[in-house]
Protein backbone atom coordinates (compact mmCIF):
# COMPACT_ATOMS: atom_id res chain seq x y z
CA MET A 1 158.67 107.05 146.79
CA GLY A 2 156.18 109.93 146.58
CA VAL A 3 156.01 113.01 148.74
CA ASP A 4 153.02 111.70 150.70
CA ALA A 5 154.76 108.38 151.39
CA SER A 6 157.95 110.05 152.66
CA LEU A 7 155.94 112.45 154.82
CA GLU A 8 153.92 109.53 156.18
CA GLU A 9 157.13 107.69 157.06
CA SER A 10 158.50 110.83 158.73
CA LEU A 11 155.32 111.20 160.78
CA GLU A 12 155.42 107.53 161.77
CA ALA A 13 159.05 107.90 162.89
CA VAL A 14 158.10 110.90 165.03
CA ALA A 15 155.22 108.97 166.59
CA ALA A 16 157.61 106.10 167.40
CA GLY A 17 160.10 108.56 168.93
CA ASP A 18 162.76 107.82 166.29
CA ALA A 19 162.89 111.26 164.65
CA ALA A 20 162.47 114.96 165.34
CA GLY A 21 159.61 115.58 162.91
CA PRO A 22 158.86 116.29 159.28
CA GLU A 23 160.77 118.94 157.42
CA LEU A 24 158.99 122.07 156.25
CA ALA A 25 159.63 121.20 152.60
CA GLU A 26 157.92 117.82 153.05
CA VAL A 27 154.91 119.42 154.73
CA PHE A 28 154.69 122.11 152.05
CA ASP A 29 154.97 119.66 149.14
CA ALA A 30 152.35 117.35 150.62
CA HIS A 31 149.86 119.93 151.90
CA ALA A 32 150.16 123.21 149.93
CA PRO A 33 147.23 122.36 147.61
CA TYR A 34 145.08 121.47 150.64
CA VAL A 35 146.05 124.69 152.44
CA GLY A 36 145.35 126.80 149.34
CA ARG A 37 141.97 125.17 148.75
CA THR A 38 141.07 125.52 152.43
CA LEU A 39 142.00 129.21 152.51
CA ARG A 40 139.91 129.85 149.40
CA LEU A 41 136.93 128.01 150.85
CA LEU A 42 137.27 130.00 154.06
CA GLY A 43 136.83 133.24 152.12
CA VAL A 44 140.35 134.36 151.26
CA ARG A 45 140.15 136.33 148.04
CA GLU A 46 141.95 135.06 145.00
CA ARG A 47 144.29 138.07 144.92
CA GLU A 48 145.27 137.47 148.58
CA LEU A 49 145.60 133.70 148.31
CA GLY A 50 149.33 133.51 147.51
CA ASP A 51 150.28 135.78 150.39
CA ALA A 52 147.96 133.96 152.79
CA LEU A 53 149.42 130.59 151.76
CA GLN A 54 152.91 131.92 152.39
CA GLU A 55 151.92 133.32 155.79
CA VAL A 56 150.39 129.97 156.82
CA PHE A 57 153.63 128.20 156.00
CA LEU A 58 155.62 130.85 157.86
CA VAL A 59 153.61 129.89 160.94
CA VAL A 60 154.23 126.24 160.15
CA HIS A 61 157.96 126.94 159.86
CA ARG A 62 158.03 128.68 163.25
CA ARG A 63 155.87 126.17 165.08
CA LEU A 64 156.47 122.82 163.38
CA GLY A 65 158.62 121.66 166.30
CA GLU A 66 155.71 122.31 168.67
CA LEU A 67 153.38 119.87 166.89
CA GLU A 68 152.63 117.36 169.64
CA GLU A 69 150.75 114.75 167.61
CA PRO A 70 152.17 114.51 164.08
CA SER A 71 149.24 112.30 163.09
CA LYS A 72 147.02 115.38 163.43
CA LEU A 73 149.09 117.53 161.07
CA ARG A 74 146.18 118.19 158.70
CA ALA A 75 143.90 119.35 161.52
CA TRP A 76 146.71 121.56 162.84
CA LEU A 77 147.16 123.10 159.38
CA TYR A 78 143.43 123.71 159.14
CA ALA A 79 143.42 125.52 162.47
CA ILE A 80 146.20 127.79 161.20
CA CYS A 81 144.20 128.41 157.99
CA VAL A 82 141.09 129.32 159.98
CA ARG A 83 143.01 131.85 162.06
CA LYS A 84 144.65 133.34 158.95
CA ALA A 85 141.33 133.61 157.10
CA MET A 86 139.68 135.24 160.12
CA SER A 87 142.57 137.69 160.39
CA LEU A 88 142.26 138.64 156.73
CA ARG A 89 138.51 139.11 157.07
CA ARG A 90 138.99 141.38 160.10
CA ASP A 91 141.62 143.37 158.21
CA ALA A 92 139.26 143.72 155.24
CA ALA A 93 136.48 144.95 157.52
CA ARG A 94 138.81 147.56 158.98
CA ARG A 95 139.69 148.72 155.47
CA ARG A 96 135.94 148.90 154.79
CA GLU A 97 136.15 146.77 151.72
CA ASP A 98 133.17 144.76 150.60
CA SER A 99 133.63 141.01 150.56
CA VAL A 100 132.71 139.76 147.13
CA ALA A 101 132.83 136.10 146.18
CA GLU A 102 134.89 135.86 143.02
CA PRO A 103 135.14 132.38 141.58
CA PRO A 104 138.68 131.50 140.57
CA GLU A 105 139.39 131.14 136.92
CA LEU A 106 140.46 127.57 136.34
CA GLU A 107 142.04 126.30 133.17
CA VAL A 108 139.98 123.26 132.30
CA GLU A 109 138.82 121.60 129.14
CA ARG A 110 135.96 123.69 127.79
CA ARG A 111 132.76 122.07 126.62
CA THR A 112 130.26 124.76 125.69
CA PRO A 113 129.84 128.38 126.70
CA HIS A 114 126.58 127.45 128.44
CA ASP A 115 128.35 124.80 130.53
CA ASP A 116 131.00 127.34 131.50
CA LEU A 117 128.34 129.88 132.45
CA GLU A 118 126.44 127.38 134.59
CA LYS A 119 129.62 126.24 136.29
CA ALA A 120 130.63 129.84 137.03
CA ARG A 121 127.16 130.62 138.39
CA ALA A 122 127.19 127.54 140.60
CA LEU A 123 130.66 128.36 141.93
CA ALA A 124 129.72 131.98 142.55
CA ALA A 125 126.57 130.81 144.34
CA ALA A 126 128.59 128.42 146.50
CA PHE A 127 131.01 131.17 147.52
CA GLU A 128 128.08 133.55 148.11
CA ILE A 129 126.45 130.99 150.40
CA LEU A 130 129.71 130.31 152.26
CA GLU A 131 130.38 134.05 152.60
CA ALA A 132 127.00 134.51 154.33
CA LEU A 133 127.86 131.99 157.07
CA ASP A 134 129.49 133.30 160.22
CA GLU A 135 133.13 132.28 160.64
CA ASP A 136 132.52 129.47 163.15
CA LYS A 137 129.81 127.78 161.09
CA ARG A 138 131.73 128.26 157.87
CA ALA A 139 134.90 126.69 159.27
CA ILE A 140 133.07 123.61 160.52
CA PHE A 141 130.96 123.28 157.36
CA VAL A 142 133.98 123.46 155.07
CA LEU A 143 136.04 121.06 157.18
CA TYR A 144 133.29 118.49 157.54
CA GLU A 145 131.36 118.70 154.26
CA VAL A 146 134.11 119.70 151.82
CA GLU A 147 137.32 118.36 153.35
CA GLN A 148 135.57 115.43 155.09
CA GLN A 149 137.56 115.74 158.29
CA PRO A 150 136.40 113.76 161.35
CA MET A 151 134.31 115.88 163.70
CA SER A 152 136.54 115.08 166.68
CA GLU A 153 139.56 116.57 164.86
CA ILE A 154 137.53 119.59 163.78
CA ALA A 155 136.40 120.31 167.33
CA GLU A 156 139.96 119.99 168.58
CA ALA A 157 141.40 122.18 165.82
CA LEU A 158 138.82 124.90 166.46
CA GLY A 159 139.03 124.60 170.24
CA CYS A 160 135.38 123.90 170.91
CA PRO A 161 133.47 121.01 172.52
CA LEU A 162 132.38 118.21 170.18
CA GLN A 163 128.66 118.89 170.75
CA THR A 164 129.17 122.57 169.96
CA ALA A 165 130.88 121.60 166.70
CA TYR A 166 127.94 119.36 165.76
CA ALA A 167 125.46 122.10 166.66
CA ARG A 168 127.33 124.58 164.46
CA LEU A 169 127.41 122.05 161.61
CA TYR A 170 123.65 121.49 161.78
CA ALA A 171 123.00 125.23 161.94
CA ALA A 172 125.32 125.80 158.96
CA ARG A 173 123.56 123.06 156.98
CA ARG A 174 120.19 124.72 157.64
CA GLU A 175 121.52 128.11 156.52
CA VAL A 176 123.12 126.62 153.41
CA SER A 177 119.88 124.80 152.51
CA ARG A 178 117.82 127.97 152.93
CA ALA A 179 120.29 130.05 150.91
CA LEU A 180 120.37 127.46 148.14
CA ALA A 181 116.56 127.39 148.03
CA ARG A 182 116.50 131.21 147.74
CA LEU A 183 119.04 131.16 144.92
CA LYS A 184 117.09 128.46 143.08
CA ALA A 185 113.89 130.47 143.44
CA LYS A 186 115.65 133.50 141.95
CA GLY A 187 116.99 131.35 139.11
CA LYS A 188 120.63 131.96 139.98
CA VAL A 189 121.36 128.22 140.03
CA GLU A 190 119.80 125.32 138.18
CA ARG A 191 117.20 123.28 139.93
């Protein structure tokens, strides 16, 4: 039985009233990659990612018993990630550091140096575009377009009305499209 299957069974038992809830280790094993990816997409710098991931799971540890609907665990985790990313961005602004999108270095099978360069440029452009979005639009865009979360869960996790969430998504899409067009015109990404 895999980690996801045991976590799913634990969540089903909680929903049926037969158990107290999933254990932190189960939640961490099943969702740490998702939380790390989400934090990175929300603008957490690579050098801060490990600490931010740990801080998210400290919150999870403290508040796991308060999770009212275990079926919405992923949305709950995302909401924690959004708050952590916003906190880190505010802290960075207070320290007067410039936010710079730095694509993570991934160990993957290399094809050609040109392919690597184009991939790095595209990733840097994506982070540059995401960095330009305000926090509300960025959170909804990442959740909906990248993580493919249902809009109703996104609105609930971010504490906004459903129509507001849709409006922010459409506004974010427009900004992303314009930014992508500008980058293509400058030759920073392939057409």
